[in-house]
């Protein structure tokens, strides 16, 4: 059963513009066991593969998503490579790959070399302090799998902190949760989800 990520029209009208990048993230104090668990999730990446119940379903998904991704990535080889990484890392983190695709649409727009105004890097606009906190300073945030793994790990951490509330988790990803109208960024992600990435049952 697919989740419905649409916000109500009343909520949307109440939102104000919030910068659509992860620059607002702040370094948080973490319990040692939490930090260790996140570190384990980041280190030693495995070669990505599509994770589906059967091969045919994976091929259908890849073909459909590849066609949708043409808007941002004209090269078919790169599209399939990126999508395989995204689907694998999202599934590994227990996230909906379509939501991760939506976050990337708003963040780095599938540009692996994207750099934000506050130094956030790559497709999921990872703030460099995360390398020191949960990863390793010798990692390359412009490497697509590394970047997606960080992004998925961070979003999953926020989702857990917010007890499964995706709106609040996305607001934390944007660094906007401390703002009164923090739902602006999540609404952008859900708009991208409904416009580009939603998979019909």
C-alpha atoms as a PDB file:
ATOM      1  CA  UNK A   1       0.000   0.000   0.000  1.00  0.00           C
ATOM      2  CA  UNK A   2       1.476   3.355  -1.072  1.00  0.00           C
ATOM      3  CA  UNK A   3       1.653   6.252   1.367  1.00  0.00           C
ATOM      4  CA  UNK A   4      -0.128   9.477   0.480  1.00  0.00           C
ATOM      5  CA  UNK A   5       2.265  12.361   1.034  1.00  0.00           C
ATOM      6  CA  UNK A   6      -0.095  15.150  -0.025  1.00  0.00           C
ATOM      7  CA  UNK A   7      -0.559  18.011   2.426  1.00  0.00           C
ATOM      8  CA  UNK A   8      -3.971  19.572   2.837  1.00  0.00           C
ATOM      9  CA  UNK A   9      -4.688  22.733   0.861  1.00  0.00           C
ATOM     10  CA  UNK A  10      -5.266  24.609   4.117  1.00  0.00           C
ATOM     11  CA  UNK A  11      -1.791  23.678   5.321  1.00  0.00           C
ATOM     12  CA  UNK A  12      -0.198  24.613   2.013  1.00  0.00           C
ATOM     13  CA  UNK A  13      -1.791  28.069   1.989  1.00  0.00           C
ATOM     14  CA  UNK A  14      -0.433  28.682   5.474  1.00  0.00           C
ATOM     15  CA  UNK A  15       3.184  27.979   4.467  1.00  0.00           C
ATOM     16  CA  UNK A  16       5.873  30.563   3.852  1.00  0.00           C
ATOM     17  CA  UNK A  17       8.891  30.157   1.617  1.00  0.00           C
ATOM     18  CA  UNK A  18      11.809  28.355   3.210  1.00  0.00           C
ATOM     19  CA  UNK A  19      15.165  27.871   1.540  1.00  0.00           C
ATOM     20  CA  UNK A  20      15.176  24.468  -0.156  1.00  0.00           C
ATOM     21  CA  UNK A  21      18.537  23.161   0.933  1.00  0.00           C
ATOM     22  CA  UNK A  22      20.104  21.420   3.889  1.00  0.00           C
ATOM     23  CA  UNK A  23      22.285  24.352   4.906  1.00  0.00           C
ATOM     24  CA  UNK A  24      20.277  24.885   8.076  1.00  0.00           C
ATOM     25  CA  UNK A  25      21.298  21.560   9.573  1.00  0.00           C
ATOM     26  CA  UNK A  26      23.176  21.910  12.828  1.00  0.00           C
ATOM     27  CA  UNK A  27      25.574  19.579  14.545  1.00  0.00           C
ATOM     28  CA  UNK A  28      23.775  17.781  17.335  1.00  0.00           C
ATOM     29  CA  UNK A  29      25.070  16.167  20.477  1.00  0.00           C
ATOM     30  CA  UNK A  30      24.499  12.422  20.143  1.00  0.00           C
ATOM     31  CA  UNK A  31      24.636   9.569  22.588  1.00  0.00           C
ATOM     32  CA  UNK A  32      27.765   7.463  21.916  1.00  0.00           C
ATOM     33  CA  UNK A  33      25.696   4.416  20.934  1.00  0.00           C
ATOM     34  CA  UNK A  34      23.670   6.477  18.443  1.00  0.00           C
ATOM     35  CA  UNK A  35      26.823   7.967  16.934  1.00  0.00           C
ATOM     36  CA  UNK A  36      28.386   4.506  16.718  1.00  0.00           C
ATOM     37  CA  UNK A  37      25.299   3.096  15.005  1.00  0.00           C
ATOM     38  CA  UNK A  38      25.258   5.890  12.423  1.00  0.00           C
ATOM     39  CA  UNK A  39      28.995   5.450  11.858  1.00  0.00           C
ATOM     40  CA  UNK A  40      28.436   1.755  11.130  1.00  0.00           C
ATOM     41  CA  UNK A  41      25.754   2.721   8.593  1.00  0.00           C
ATOM     42  CA  UNK A  42      28.143   5.066   6.793  1.00  0.00           C
ATOM     43  CA  UNK A  43      31.382   3.083   6.649  1.00  0.00           C
ATOM     44  CA  UNK A  44      32.136   0.196   4.269  1.00  0.00           C
ATOM     45  CA  UNK A  45      29.656   0.752   1.448  1.00  0.00           C
ATOM     46  CA  UNK A  46      28.542  -2.345  -0.454  1.00  0.00           C
ATOM     47  CA  UNK A  47      28.222  -2.400  -4.238  1.00  0.00           C
ATOM     48  CA  UNK A  48      24.651  -1.230  -4.888  1.00  0.00           C
ATOM     49  CA  UNK A  49      22.011  -3.368  -6.547  1.00  0.00           C
ATOM     50  CA  UNK A  50      18.280  -3.085  -7.052  1.00  0.00           C
ATOM     51  CA  UNK A  51      16.391  -4.520  -4.094  1.00  0.00           C
ATOM     52  CA  UNK A  52      13.063  -5.940  -5.246  1.00  0.00           C
ATOM     53  CA  UNK A  53      11.070  -9.096  -4.567  1.00  0.00           C
ATOM     54  CA  UNK A  54      11.790 -10.237  -8.108  1.00  0.00           C
ATOM     55  CA  UNK A  55      14.036  -9.154 -10.966  1.00  0.00           C
ATOM     56  CA  UNK A  56      11.198  -8.193 -13.308  1.00  0.00           C
ATOM     57  CA  UNK A  57       9.713  -5.705 -10.844  1.00  0.00           C
ATOM     58  CA  UNK A  58      13.128  -4.121 -10.475  1.00  0.00           C
ATOM     59  CA  UNK A  59      13.567  -3.808 -14.226  1.00  0.00           C
ATOM     60  CA  UNK A  60      10.115  -2.217 -14.615  1.00  0.00           C
ATOM     61  CA  UNK A  61      10.838   0.282 -11.841  1.00  0.00           C
ATOM     62  CA  UNK A  62      14.255   1.161 -13.272  1.00  0.00           C
ATOM     63  CA  UNK A  63      12.873   1.695 -16.785  1.00  0.00           C
ATOM     64  CA  UNK A  64      10.053   3.917 -15.525  1.00  0.00           C
ATOM     65  CA  UNK A  65      12.231   5.985 -13.202  1.00  0.00           C
ATOM     66  CA  UNK A  66      14.955   6.293 -15.842  1.00  0.00           C
ATOM     67  CA  UNK A  67      12.417   7.785 -18.227  1.00  0.00           C
ATOM     68  CA  UNK A  68      11.326  10.286 -15.575  1.00  0.00           C
ATOM     69  CA  UNK A  69      14.924  11.201 -14.714  1.00  0.00           C
ATOM     70  CA  UNK A  70      15.755  12.232 -18.307  1.00  0.00           C
ATOM     71  CA  UNK A  71      14.710  15.766 -17.369  1.00  0.00           C
ATOM     72  CA  UNK A  72      17.819  16.097 -15.194  1.00  0.00           C
ATOM     73  CA  UNK A  73      20.198  13.383 -16.414  1.00  0.00           C
ATOM     74  CA  UNK A  74      20.238  12.870 -20.206  1.00  0.00           C
ATOM     75  CA  UNK A  75      22.779  10.032 -20.153  1.00  0.00           C
ATOM     76  CA  UNK A  76      21.063   6.641 -19.769  1.00  0.00           C
ATOM     77  CA  UNK A  77      24.062   4.920 -18.179  1.00  0.00           C
ATOM     78  CA  UNK A  78      24.326   7.571 -15.473  1.00  0.00           C
ATOM     79  CA  UNK A  79      20.571   7.551 -14.890  1.00  0.00           C
ATOM     80  CA  UNK A  80      20.534   3.818 -14.280  1.00  0.00           C
ATOM     81  CA  UNK A  81      23.635   4.019 -12.090  1.00  0.00           C
ATOM     82  CA  UNK A  82      22.191   6.816  -9.949  1.00  0.00           C
ATOM     83  CA  UNK A  83      18.798   5.121  -9.641  1.00  0.00           C
ATOM     84  CA  UNK A  84      20.350   1.823  -8.596  1.00  0.00           C
ATOM     85  CA  UNK A  85      22.346   3.588  -5.876  1.00  0.00           C
ATOM     86  CA  UNK A  86      19.329   5.583  -4.692  1.00  0.00           C
ATOM     87  CA  UNK A  87      17.005   2.576  -4.578  1.00  0.00           C
ATOM     88  CA  UNK A  88      19.592   0.439  -2.790  1.00  0.00           C
ATOM     89  CA  UNK A  89      20.636   3.021  -0.204  1.00  0.00           C
ATOM     90  CA  UNK A  90      17.058   4.154   0.499  1.00  0.00           C
ATOM     91  CA  UNK A  91      15.884   0.567   0.957  1.00  0.00           C
ATOM     92  CA  UNK A  92      18.915  -0.209   3.118  1.00  0.00           C
ATOM     93  CA  UNK A  93      17.979   2.734   5.367  1.00  0.00           C
ATOM     94  CA  UNK A  94      14.320   1.717   5.507  1.00  0.00           C
ATOM     95  CA  UNK A  95      13.175   4.724   3.461  1.00  0.00           C
ATOM     96  CA  UNK A  96      10.841   5.037   0.489  1.00  0.00           C
ATOM     97  CA  UNK A  97      13.121   5.490  -2.578  1.00  0.00           C
ATOM     98  CA  UNK A  98      10.505   7.796  -4.106  1.00  0.00           C
ATOM     99  CA  UNK A  99      10.853  10.181  -1.154  1.00  0.00           C
ATOM    100  CA  UNK A 100      14.647  10.117  -1.458  1.00  0.00           C
ATOM    101  CA  UNK A 101      14.304  10.924  -5.168  1.00  0.00           C
ATOM    102  CA  UNK A 102      12.047  13.825  -4.165  1.00  0.00           C
ATOM    103  CA  UNK A 103      14.583  15.155  -1.648  1.00  0.00           C
ATOM    104  CA  UNK A 104      17.312  15.026  -4.301  1.00  0.00           C
ATOM    105  CA  UNK A 105      15.023  16.891  -6.727  1.00  0.00           C
ATOM    106  CA  UNK A 106      14.780  19.752  -4.238  1.00  0.00           C
ATOM    107  CA  UNK A 107      18.361  19.568  -2.975  1.00  0.00           C
ATOM    108  CA  UNK A 108      21.116  18.886  -5.536  1.00  0.00           C
ATOM    109  CA  UNK A 109      18.806  18.258  -8.521  1.00  0.00           C
ATOM    110  CA  UNK A 110      20.879  15.179  -9.417  1.00  0.00           C
ATOM    111  CA  UNK A 111      24.075  17.205  -9.805  1.00  0.00           C
ATOM    112  CA  UNK A 112      26.797  15.217  -8.039  1.00  0.00           C
ATOM    113  CA  UNK A 113      29.006  18.315  -7.852  1.00  0.00           C
ATOM    114  CA  UNK A 114      26.374  20.669  -6.413  1.00  0.00           C
ATOM    115  CA  UNK A 115      27.676  22.996  -3.682  1.00  0.00           C
ATOM    116  CA  UNK A 116      25.348  25.029  -1.487  1.00  0.00           C
ATOM    117  CA  UNK A 117      25.914  28.484  -0.043  1.00  0.00           C
ATOM    118  CA  UNK A 118      26.943  27.043   3.327  1.00  0.00           C
ATOM    119  CA  UNK A 119      29.248  24.374   1.920  1.00  0.00           C
ATOM    120  CA  UNK A 120      26.730  21.533   1.678  1.00  0.00           C
ATOM    121  CA  UNK A 121      27.739  19.109  -1.062  1.00  0.00           C
ATOM    122  CA  UNK A 122      26.418  16.719  -3.658  1.00  0.00           C
ATOM    123  CA  UNK A 123      23.015  15.397  -4.619  1.00  0.00           C
ATOM    124  CA  UNK A 124      21.633  15.348  -1.079  1.00  0.00           C
ATOM    125  CA  UNK A 125      23.535  18.491  -0.012  1.00  0.00           C
ATOM    126  CA  UNK A 126      25.423  16.979   2.917  1.00  0.00           C
ATOM    127  CA  UNK A 127      26.967  19.357   5.414  1.00  0.00           C
ATOM    128  CA  UNK A 128      30.677  18.476   5.858  1.00  0.00           C
ATOM    129  CA  UNK A 129      30.430  18.296   9.660  1.00  0.00           C
ATOM    130  CA  UNK A 130      28.644  14.939   9.251  1.00  0.00           C
ATOM    131  CA  UNK A 131      31.874  13.334   8.064  1.00  0.00           C
ATOM    132  CA  UNK A 132      33.581  14.174  11.339  1.00  0.00           C
ATOM    133  CA  UNK A 133      30.555  13.243  13.433  1.00  0.00           C
ATOM    134  CA  UNK A 134      29.471   9.917  11.933  1.00  0.00           C
ATOM    135  CA  UNK A 135      31.837   9.096   9.080  1.00  0.00           C
ATOM    136  CA  UNK A 136      35.418   9.799   8.110  1.00  0.00           C
ATOM    137  CA  UNK A 137      37.157  12.972   6.988  1.00  0.00           C
ATOM    138  CA  UNK A 138      38.787  11.153   4.069  1.00  0.00           C
ATOM    139  CA  UNK A 139      35.433  10.408   2.438  1.00  0.00           C
ATOM    140  CA  UNK A 140      34.364  12.239  -0.708  1.00  0.00           C
ATOM    141  CA  UNK A 141      30.899  13.786  -0.542  1.00  0.00           C
ATOM    142  CA  UNK A 142      30.953  14.241  -4.316  1.00  0.00           C
ATOM    143  CA  UNK A 143      30.999  10.452  -4.712  1.00  0.00           C
ATOM    144  CA  UNK A 144      27.383   9.610  -5.488  1.00  0.00           C
ATOM    145  CA  UNK A 145      27.049   6.487  -3.342  1.00  0.00           C
ATOM    146  CA  UNK A 146      28.810   8.121  -0.397  1.00  0.00           C
ATOM    147  CA  UNK A 147      26.585  11.179  -0.667  1.00  0.00           C
ATOM    148  CA  UNK A 148      23.359   9.183  -0.980  1.00  0.00           C
ATOM    149  CA  UNK A 149      24.378   6.924   1.894  1.00  0.00           C
ATOM    150  CA  UNK A 150      24.958   9.934   4.128  1.00  0.00           C
ATOM    151  CA  UNK A 151      21.684  11.540   3.071  1.00  0.00           C
ATOM    152  CA  UNK A 152      19.640   8.389   3.670  1.00  0.00           C
ATOM    153  CA  UNK A 153      21.349   7.731   7.004  1.00  0.00           C
ATOM    154  CA  UNK A 154      20.734  11.299   8.177  1.00  0.00           C
ATOM    155  CA  UNK A 155      17.089  11.327   7.059  1.00  0.00           C
ATOM    156  CA  UNK A 156      16.485   7.966   8.736  1.00  0.00           C
ATOM    157  CA  UNK A 157      18.068   9.305  11.942  1.00  0.00           C
ATOM    158  CA  UNK A 158      15.785  12.342  11.843  1.00  0.00           C
ATOM    159  CA  UNK A 159      12.752  10.149  11.128  1.00  0.00           C
ATOM    160  CA  UNK A 160      13.550   8.039  14.169  1.00  0.00           C
ATOM    161  CA  UNK A 161      14.061  11.131  16.304  1.00  0.00           C
ATOM    162  CA  UNK A 162      10.653  12.399  15.173  1.00  0.00           C
ATOM    163  CA  UNK A 163       8.913   9.070  15.877  1.00  0.00           C
ATOM    164  CA  UNK A 164       8.060   8.408  12.225  1.00  0.00           C
ATOM    165  CA  UNK A 165       6.738  11.894  11.420  1.00  0.00           C
ATOM    166  CA  UNK A 166       8.092  12.499   7.913  1.00  0.00           C
ATOM    167  CA  UNK A 167       7.064  16.162   7.823  1.00  0.00           C
ATOM    168  CA  UNK A 168       9.112  16.930  10.932  1.00  0.00           C
ATOM    169  CA  UNK A 169      11.983  14.702   9.768  1.00  0.00           C
ATOM    170  CA  UNK A 170      12.192  16.564   6.464  1.00  0.00           C
ATOM    171  CA  UNK A 171      12.009  19.896   8.276  1.00  0.00           C
ATOM    172  CA  UNK A 172      14.987  18.785  10.358  1.00  0.00           C
ATOM    173  CA  UNK A 173      16.821  17.741   7.196  1.00  0.00           C
ATOM    174  CA  UNK A 174      16.333  21.295   5.962  1.00  0.00           C
ATOM    175  CA  UNK A 175      17.256  22.733   9.338  1.00  0.00           C
ATOM    176  CA  UNK A 176      13.869  24.458   9.496  1.00  0.00           C
ATOM    177  CA  UNK A 177      12.204  22.644  12.390  1.00  0.00           C
ATOM    178  CA  UNK A 178      13.034  25.478  14.770  1.00  0.00           C
ATOM    179  CA  UNK A 179      11.020  27.887  12.577  1.00  0.00           C
ATOM    180  CA  UNK A 180       7.324  28.532  13.206  1.00  0.00           C
ATOM    181  CA  UNK A 181       6.301  27.638   9.649  1.00  0.00           C
ATOM    182  CA  UNK A 182       8.655  24.672   9.296  1.00  0.00           C
ATOM    183  CA  UNK A 183       6.435  22.729   6.860  1.00  0.00           C
ATOM    184  CA  UNK A 184       7.505  24.793   3.836  1.00  0.00           C
ATOM    185  CA  UNK A 185      10.383  22.521   2.936  1.00  0.00           C
ATOM    186  CA  UNK A 186       8.438  19.259   3.407  1.00  0.00           C
ATOM    187  CA  UNK A 187       5.697  20.642   1.163  1.00  0.00           C
ATOM    188  CA  UNK A 188       8.282  21.191  -1.587  1.00  0.00           C
ATOM    189  CA  UNK A 189       9.494  17.607  -1.212  1.00  0.00           C
ATOM    190  CA  UNK A 190       5.930  16.248  -1.311  1.00  0.00           C
ATOM    191  CA  UNK A 191       5.156  18.408  -4.344  1.00  0.00           C
ATOM    192  CA  UNK A 192       8.154  16.868  -6.138  1.00  0.00           C
ATOM    193  CA  UNK A 193       6.988  13.434  -5.001  1.00  0.00           C
ATOM    194  CA  UNK A 194       3.502  13.931  -6.431  1.00  0.00           C
ATOM    195  CA  UNK A 195       4.682  15.658  -9.617  1.00  0.00           C
ATOM    196  CA  UNK A 196       7.644  13.450 -10.588  1.00  0.00           C
ATOM    197  CA  UNK A 197       8.136  10.325  -8.492  1.00  0.00           C
ATOM    198  CA  UNK A 198       4.886   8.933  -7.132  1.00  0.00           C
ATOM    199  CA  UNK A 199       4.335   5.333  -8.207  1.00  0.00           C
ATOM    200  CA  UNK A 200       0.724   4.398  -8.790  1.00  0.00           C
ATOM    201  CA  UNK A 201      -0.394   1.143  -7.184  1.00  0.00           C
END
